[in-house]
Amino acid sequence: MGSFSLWHWIIVLIIVVLVFGTKKLRNVGKDLGGAVHDFKQGLNEGTDNAAKKDEVIEHQKDEDKKA
């Protein structure tokens, strides 16, 4: 009873489709995919901004040495 068989998952899927409908499930899928995409893009921008920030700090240190 620890794991469900394939038939259990098929029945659950049919019930979910009957309750919510395919249009609503499609919209939920698009929204979830968009949220994941935006999250990944935000993570990439965050690392890019951190790298730029470090470069600016290192550049300022070099200017201080010259002065």
Protein backbone atom coordinates (compact mmCIF):
# COMPACT_ATOMS: atom_id res chain seq x y z
CA MET A 1 0.00 0.00 0.00
CA GLY A 2 3.08 2.24 0.16
CA SER A 3 3.02 3.04 -3.54
CA PHE A 4 0.14 3.42 -5.92
CA SER A 5 -0.18 1.41 -9.08
CA LEU A 6 -0.58 2.86 -12.55
CA TRP A 7 -4.34 2.35 -12.39
CA HIS A 8 -4.63 4.49 -9.26
CA TRP A 9 -2.82 7.39 -10.98
CA ILE A 10 -4.99 7.06 -14.10
CA ILE A 11 -8.15 7.24 -11.99
CA VAL A 12 -6.83 10.29 -10.10
CA LEU A 13 -5.97 11.99 -13.39
CA ILE A 14 -9.45 11.33 -14.80
CA ILE A 15 -11.09 12.74 -11.66
CA VAL A 16 -8.90 15.87 -11.77
CA VAL A 17 -9.74 16.45 -15.45
CA LEU A 18 -13.45 16.00 -14.76
CA VAL A 19 -13.40 18.39 -11.81
CA PHE A 20 -11.26 21.16 -13.28
CA GLY A 21 -11.62 20.71 -17.03
CA THR A 22 -8.89 20.76 -19.62
CA LYS A 23 -9.02 24.52 -20.25
CA LYS A 24 -8.43 25.39 -16.62
CA LEU A 25 -5.64 22.82 -16.34
CA ARG A 26 -3.99 24.22 -19.47
CA ASN A 27 -4.08 27.73 -17.98
CA VAL A 28 -2.60 26.48 -14.71
CA GLY A 29 0.19 24.77 -16.67
CA LYS A 30 0.99 27.95 -18.59
CA ASP A 31 1.00 30.03 -15.41
CA LEU A 32 3.25 27.56 -13.62
CA GLY A 33 5.64 27.37 -16.58
CA GLY A 34 5.79 31.16 -16.78
CA ALA A 35 6.48 31.43 -13.07
CA VAL A 36 9.33 28.91 -13.28
CA HIS A 37 10.78 30.73 -16.29
CA ASP A 38 10.63 34.09 -14.53
CA PHE A 39 12.18 32.59 -11.40
CA LYS A 40 15.11 31.15 -13.37
CA GLN A 41 15.56 34.44 -15.20
CA GLY A 42 15.58 36.29 -11.89
CA LEU A 43 18.23 33.95 -10.51
CA ASN A 44 20.40 34.53 -13.57
CA GLU A 45 19.98 38.30 -13.31
CA GLY A 46 20.85 38.13 -9.62
CA THR A 47 24.14 36.38 -10.29
CA ASP A 48 24.91 38.79 -13.14
CA ASN A 49 24.28 41.79 -10.86
CA ALA A 50 26.48 40.27 -8.14
CA ALA A 51 29.29 39.77 -10.64
CA LYS A 52 28.97 43.35 -11.88
CA LYS A 53 28.93 44.61 -8.31
CA ASP A 54 32.18 42.76 -7.56
CA GLU A 55 33.78 44.17 -10.70
CA VAL A 56 32.86 47.71 -9.68
CA ILE A 57 34.31 47.22 -6.21
CA GLU A 58 37.54 45.81 -7.63
CA HIS A 59 37.72 48.70 -10.08
CA GLN A 60 37.32 51.20 -7.26
CA LYS A 61 40.12 49.52 -5.34
CA ASP A 62 42.41 49.87 -8.35
CA GLU A 63 41.62 53.59 -8.58
CA ASP A 64 42.40 54.03 -4.88
CA LYS A 65 45.84 52.48 -5.39
CA LYS A 66 46.65 54.96 -8.19
CA ALA A 67 45.66 58.01 -6.14
